[in-house]
N, C-alpha and C. Protein backbone atom coordinates (compact mmCIF):
# COMPACT_ATOMS: atom_id res chain seq x y z
N ASP A 1 53.88 27.63 130.10
CA ASP A 1 53.86 28.04 131.53
C ASP A 1 54.11 26.72 132.66
N LEU A 2 55.23 27.22 132.73
CA LEU A 2 55.39 25.84 134.33
C LEU A 2 54.27 26.09 135.16
N LEU A 3 54.24 26.92 135.40
CA LEU A 3 53.86 27.27 136.67
C LEU A 3 52.07 26.82 135.91
N LYS A 4 51.64 26.15 135.66
CA LYS A 4 50.39 26.05 135.06
C LYS A 4 50.67 24.19 134.88
N THR A 5 52.12 23.82 134.32
CA THR A 5 52.04 22.30 134.01
C THR A 5 53.16 21.66 135.06
N SER A 6 53.57 22.60 136.47
CA SER A 6 54.15 21.09 137.37
C SER A 6 53.28 22.02 138.40
N SER A 7 53.26 20.65 139.41
CA SER A 7 52.82 20.56 140.38
C SER A 7 53.01 21.11 141.35
N SER A 8 54.07 21.37 141.20
CA SER A 8 55.24 22.24 142.59
C SER A 8 55.56 23.30 141.99
N CYS A 9 56.36 24.81 143.10
CA CYS A 9 56.54 25.36 142.53
C CYS A 9 57.96 25.54 142.12
N PRO A 10 58.46 26.29 141.29
CA PRO A 10 59.74 26.07 140.49
C PRO A 10 60.76 26.12 141.59
N PHE A 11 60.43 27.55 142.35
CA PHE A 11 60.75 28.53 143.11
C PHE A 11 61.77 27.57 145.08
N LYS A 12 60.32 26.52 144.98
CA LYS A 12 61.00 25.88 146.43
C LYS A 12 61.92 25.26 146.58
N LYS A 13 62.60 26.27 146.19
CA LYS A 13 64.23 25.15 146.85
C LYS A 13 64.99 25.24 148.13
N ASP A 14 64.93 23.89 149.22
CA ASP A 14 64.99 24.72 150.46
C ASP A 14 66.04 24.57 150.80
N SER A 15 66.95 24.79 150.80
CA SER A 15 68.67 25.73 150.98
C SER A 15 67.73 27.31 150.36
N LYS A 16 67.21 27.55 149.79
CA LYS A 16 66.75 29.47 149.94
C LYS A 16 66.10 29.68 150.44
N ILE A 17 64.72 29.47 150.51
CA ILE A 17 63.78 28.59 151.30
C ILE A 17 64.19 29.15 152.70
N ASN A 18 65.14 28.34 153.30
CA ASN A 18 65.32 28.36 154.48
C ASN A 18 66.37 29.94 154.98
N ASP A 19 67.18 30.31 153.90
CA ASP A 19 67.94 31.51 153.77
C ASP A 19 66.68 32.98 153.86
N LEU A 20 65.59 32.60 153.17
CA LEU A 20 64.81 32.95 152.78
C LEU A 20 64.20 33.63 154.12
N ALA A 21 63.69 32.49 154.59
CA ALA A 21 62.83 32.30 156.24
C ALA A 21 63.37 32.76 157.27
N PHE A 22 64.80 33.07 157.35
CA PHE A 22 65.54 33.00 157.83
C PHE A 22 65.83 34.78 157.99
N HIS A 23 65.71 34.84 156.59
CA HIS A 23 66.19 36.57 157.12
C HIS A 23 64.52 37.08 157.35
N ALA A 24 63.00 36.76 156.99
CA ALA A 24 62.07 37.29 157.15
C ALA A 24 61.56 37.45 158.87
N THR A 25 62.41 35.97 159.59
CA THR A 25 61.98 35.52 160.78
C THR A 25 63.14 36.95 161.72
N SER A 26 63.70 37.08 161.35
CA SER A 26 65.01 38.10 161.79
C SER A 26 64.83 39.18 161.27
N GLN A 27 64.67 39.91 160.77
CA GLN A 27 64.26 40.95 159.52
C GLN A 27 62.92 41.71 159.91
N GLY A 28 61.70 41.02 160.03
CA GLY A 28 59.92 41.72 159.92
C GLY A 28 59.71 41.90 158.23
N SER A 29 60.40 40.99 157.66
CA SER A 29 59.52 40.93 156.55
C SER A 29 58.03 40.88 156.30
N ASP A 30 57.27 41.73 155.10
CA ASP A 30 56.57 40.89 155.00
C ASP A 30 56.06 40.31 153.49
N ILE A 31 55.06 39.70 153.21
CA ILE A 31 55.11 39.02 152.06
C ILE A 31 56.17 39.40 150.94
N GLU A 32 55.23 41.05 150.52
CA GLU A 32 55.43 41.83 149.38
C GLU A 32 57.22 41.19 149.24
N ASP A 33 57.92 42.15 150.28
CA ASP A 33 59.23 42.53 150.68
C ASP A 33 59.84 40.71 150.11
N LEU A 34 60.08 39.54 151.37
CA LEU A 34 60.07 38.46 150.80
C LEU A 34 59.92 37.60 149.21
N CYS A 35 58.58 38.24 148.85
CA CYS A 35 58.03 37.88 146.55
C CYS A 35 59.83 38.34 146.30
N LYS A 36 59.96 39.81 146.36
CA LYS A 36 60.66 40.93 145.62
C LYS A 36 62.03 40.51 145.88
N LEU A 37 62.14 39.31 146.86
CA LEU A 37 63.34 39.02 147.57
C LEU A 37 63.95 37.61 147.36
N GLY A 38 63.17 36.55 147.13
CA GLY A 38 62.72 36.03 146.20
C GLY A 38 62.98 35.73 145.35
N GLU A 39 62.30 36.59 144.35
CA GLU A 39 63.08 37.06 143.35
C GLU A 39 63.72 36.90 142.48
N GLY A 40 64.44 37.92 143.28
CA GLY A 40 66.58 38.13 143.14
C GLY A 40 67.48 37.14 143.37
N THR A 41 66.66 36.42 144.92
CA THR A 41 67.32 34.76 145.28
C THR A 41 67.05 33.37 144.05
N GLY A 42 65.95 33.72 143.49
CA GLY A 42 65.42 32.06 142.26
C GLY A 42 64.38 31.09 143.68
N SER A 43 64.12 32.40 145.07
CA SER A 43 63.40 31.23 145.69
C SER A 43 61.53 31.95 146.16
N CYS A 44 61.24 31.54 146.64
CA CYS A 44 59.96 31.72 146.72
C CYS A 44 58.98 32.05 147.88
N GLY A 45 59.02 33.16 148.09
CA GLY A 45 58.70 34.19 149.25
C GLY A 45 57.74 33.58 150.30
N TYR A 46 56.08 32.80 149.86
CA TYR A 46 55.54 32.14 149.82
C TYR A 46 55.58 31.21 150.39
N TYR A 47 56.19 29.93 151.08
CA TYR A 47 57.45 29.20 151.19
C TYR A 47 58.25 29.56 152.39
N ALA A 48 58.77 30.42 151.82
CA ALA A 48 60.03 31.08 153.10
C ALA A 48 58.96 31.20 153.96
N SER A 49 57.51 32.57 153.55
CA SER A 49 56.40 32.55 155.25
C SER A 49 56.51 32.19 155.53
N ARG A 50 55.88 30.42 154.60
CA ARG A 50 55.37 29.94 155.23
C ARG A 50 56.14 29.16 156.44
N LYS A 51 57.03 29.12 156.02
CA LYS A 51 58.47 27.84 157.11
C LYS A 51 59.13 28.75 158.18
N GLY A 52 59.14 30.20 158.02
CA GLY A 52 59.55 31.44 158.58
C GLY A 52 58.01 30.99 159.77
N LEU A 53 56.92 30.51 159.49
CA LEU A 53 55.46 31.18 160.70
C LEU A 53 55.58 30.54 161.88
N ALA A 54 56.45 28.40 162.07
CA ALA A 54 57.64 27.80 163.08
C ALA A 54 57.98 28.39 163.90
N VAL A 55 59.01 29.51 164.25
CA VAL A 55 59.88 30.33 164.54
C VAL A 55 59.77 31.50 165.04
N SER A 56 57.99 31.83 164.41
CA SER A 56 58.77 33.70 165.22
C SER A 56 57.41 33.75 166.21
N ARG A 57 58.12 34.43 166.84
CA ARG A 57 57.04 35.26 167.70
C ARG A 57 56.09 36.12 167.67
N VAL A 58 56.19 37.35 166.44
CA VAL A 58 54.58 37.90 165.56
C VAL A 58 53.99 37.62 165.38
N VAL A 59 52.75 37.02 164.44
CA VAL A 59 52.39 37.18 163.35
C VAL A 59 51.88 37.38 162.81
N CYS A 60 51.17 37.82 161.63
CA CYS A 60 50.49 39.42 161.40
C CYS A 60 49.76 38.85 159.97
N MET A 61 48.25 38.55 160.47
CA MET A 61 47.57 37.29 158.85
C MET A 61 46.77 39.14 158.76
N THR A 62 45.75 38.00 158.22
CA THR A 62 43.52 39.09 157.44
C THR A 62 43.13 37.85 158.63
N TYR A 63 42.31 38.87 158.36
CA TYR A 63 41.25 38.67 159.52
C TYR A 63 40.15 37.19 159.26
N GLY A 64 40.56 36.83 157.38
CA GLY A 64 39.97 36.00 156.46
C GLY A 64 40.73 34.53 158.09
N ASN A 65 42.50 34.46 157.66
CA ASN A 65 42.71 33.43 157.80
C ASN A 65 42.96 33.40 159.40
N PHE A 66 42.76 34.58 160.47
CA PHE A 66 42.95 34.34 161.87
C PHE A 66 41.34 33.73 161.72
N PHE A 67 40.68 33.71 161.23
CA PHE A 67 39.31 33.92 161.50
C PHE A 67 38.54 31.95 161.54
N SER A 68 40.03 31.38 160.81
CA SER A 68 39.18 31.08 160.01
C SER A 68 40.19 29.02 160.40
N GLU A 69 39.50 28.18 161.74
CA GLU A 69 39.92 27.43 161.66
C GLU A 69 40.61 26.54 160.41
N ASP A 70 40.41 26.48 160.21
CA ASP A 70 40.71 25.68 158.69
C ASP A 70 42.73 26.71 158.35
N SER A 71 42.41 27.66 157.81
CA SER A 71 43.58 28.01 157.57
C SER A 71 44.72 28.26 159.09
N ARG A 72 43.97 28.50 159.69
CA ARG A 72 45.18 29.24 160.71
C ARG A 72 45.64 27.05 160.57
N ARG A 73 44.54 25.82 160.47
CA ARG A 73 45.83 24.81 160.53
C ARG A 73 46.53 25.07 159.17
N SER A 74 45.86 25.43 158.70
CA SER A 74 46.68 25.27 157.49
C SER A 74 48.01 25.61 157.49
N LEU A 75 48.21 26.60 158.23
CA LEU A 75 49.51 27.38 157.77
C LEU A 75 50.24 26.77 159.43
N GLY A 76 49.90 26.07 160.07
CA GLY A 76 49.81 25.97 161.14
C GLY A 76 50.71 26.57 162.36
N VAL A 77 49.69 28.09 161.98
CA VAL A 77 49.41 28.97 163.43
C VAL A 77 48.00 28.57 164.97
N ASP A 78 48.97 28.20 165.48
CA ASP A 78 48.23 27.60 167.00
C ASP A 78 48.08 28.87 167.78
N LEU A 79 46.96 28.99 168.49
CA LEU A 79 46.73 30.95 168.69
C LEU A 79 46.95 30.18 170.04
N ARG A 80 46.61 28.81 170.27
CA ARG A 80 46.27 28.29 172.67
C ARG A 80 48.33 29.25 173.49
N GLY A 81 47.92 29.67 174.01
CA GLY A 81 49.12 31.22 174.90
C GLY A 81 49.65 31.70 174.68
N SER A 82 49.10 32.14 173.12
CA SER A 82 49.25 33.71 172.47
C SER A 82 48.28 34.60 173.11
N VAL A 83 49.12 35.73 172.67
CA VAL A 83 48.15 37.61 173.30
C VAL A 83 48.07 37.77 171.06
N VAL A 84 46.64 38.23 171.12
CA VAL A 84 45.69 38.75 170.49
C VAL A 84 45.07 39.88 169.75
N VAL A 85 45.98 40.95 168.74
CA VAL A 85 45.84 42.01 168.85
C VAL A 85 45.69 42.44 167.48
N VAL A 86 43.57 43.08 167.93
CA VAL A 86 42.88 43.26 166.61
C VAL A 86 42.82 44.34 166.09
N ASP A 87 44.25 44.75 165.02
CA ASP A 87 43.42 46.52 163.94
C ASP A 87 42.84 46.43 163.29
N GLU A 88 41.41 48.16 163.61
CA GLU A 88 40.49 48.52 163.15
C GLU A 88 39.72 47.47 163.07
N ALA A 89 39.32 46.55 164.32
CA ALA A 89 38.24 46.13 165.68
C ALA A 89 37.18 46.42 164.88
N HIS A 90 36.19 46.97 164.02
CA HIS A 90 35.02 47.79 163.71
C HIS A 90 34.76 47.30 162.83
N ASN A 91 36.00 46.78 162.43
CA ASN A 91 36.30 45.74 161.09
C ASN A 91 35.51 44.10 160.95
N VAL A 92 36.02 43.98 162.36
CA VAL A 92 35.68 42.47 162.59
C VAL A 92 34.46 41.99 161.99
N PRO A 93 33.00 42.57 162.85
CA PRO A 93 31.69 42.25 162.45
C PRO A 93 31.67 41.36 161.43
N GLU A 94 32.22 42.74 160.24
CA GLU A 94 31.82 41.56 159.02
C GLU A 94 33.47 40.40 158.11
N ALA A 95 33.49 41.18 158.63
CA ALA A 95 35.07 39.79 158.42
C ALA A 95 34.79 38.64 159.29
N LEU A 96 33.64 38.32 160.25
CA LEU A 96 33.11 36.84 161.21
C LEU A 96 32.46 37.10 159.64
N ARG A 97 31.42 38.07 159.37
CA ARG A 97 29.94 37.30 158.51
C ARG A 97 30.81 37.30 156.94
N GLN A 98 32.08 37.17 157.20
CA GLN A 98 32.52 36.82 155.90
C GLN A 98 32.51 35.99 155.16
N VAL A 99 32.88 35.25 156.47
CA VAL A 99 34.00 33.72 157.44
C VAL A 99 32.80 32.73 157.51
N ALA A 100 31.86 32.83 158.10
CA ALA A 100 30.69 31.74 158.16
C ALA A 100 29.92 32.22 156.56
N ASN A 101 30.19 33.01 155.63
CA ASN A 101 29.39 32.59 154.36
C ASN A 101 29.56 31.43 154.06
N SER A 102 29.22 31.10 152.25
CA SER A 102 29.37 31.09 151.85
C SER A 102 28.41 31.03 150.79
N ARG A 103 28.64 30.59 149.20
CA ARG A 103 27.84 30.92 147.90
C ARG A 103 28.02 29.29 147.55
N VAL A 104 26.38 29.47 147.59
CA VAL A 104 26.47 27.69 146.28
C VAL A 104 25.97 28.61 145.07
N GLY A 105 26.89 28.11 144.44
CA GLY A 105 26.15 28.06 142.38
C GLY A 105 24.45 27.41 141.89
N LYS A 106 24.09 27.83 141.36
CA LYS A 106 23.20 26.45 140.41
C LYS A 106 23.71 25.15 139.75
N GLU A 107 25.08 24.80 140.52
CA GLU A 107 25.49 24.16 139.76
C GLU A 107 26.07 23.13 141.19
N GLY A 108 25.91 23.71 141.98
CA GLY A 108 26.50 23.44 143.20
C GLY A 108 25.00 22.01 143.52
N LEU A 109 24.18 23.32 143.52
CA LEU A 109 22.47 22.53 143.87
C LEU A 109 22.28 21.28 143.22
N GLU A 110 22.85 21.57 141.74
CA GLU A 110 22.38 20.38 141.49
C GLU A 110 22.88 18.79 141.32
N ARG A 111 24.12 19.05 142.43
CA ARG A 111 25.45 18.57 141.92
C ARG A 111 24.08 17.37 143.09
């Protein structure tokens, strides 16, 4: 399997990703749409969505990515000066608990 033996995505082709990222930012596509389009063009919807973040004015993300500073940093999302709209806000306390929790198994404790 190419994905298991290669250190990078075989669909990460810069010219095609640029085209797909442009589509994502101009059409408001979600990751599922981008993946379908990527399959048809031989490009990677994941990398196109990441590239499109830099110029996007509206970004939707999961609670886990939003509340985790490390996740936001890795995605290149800076919230300074942003307006944040939270859908399903009654789920925020549970999402915060999940972000704040970590589990350590027996193997981790033995190290």
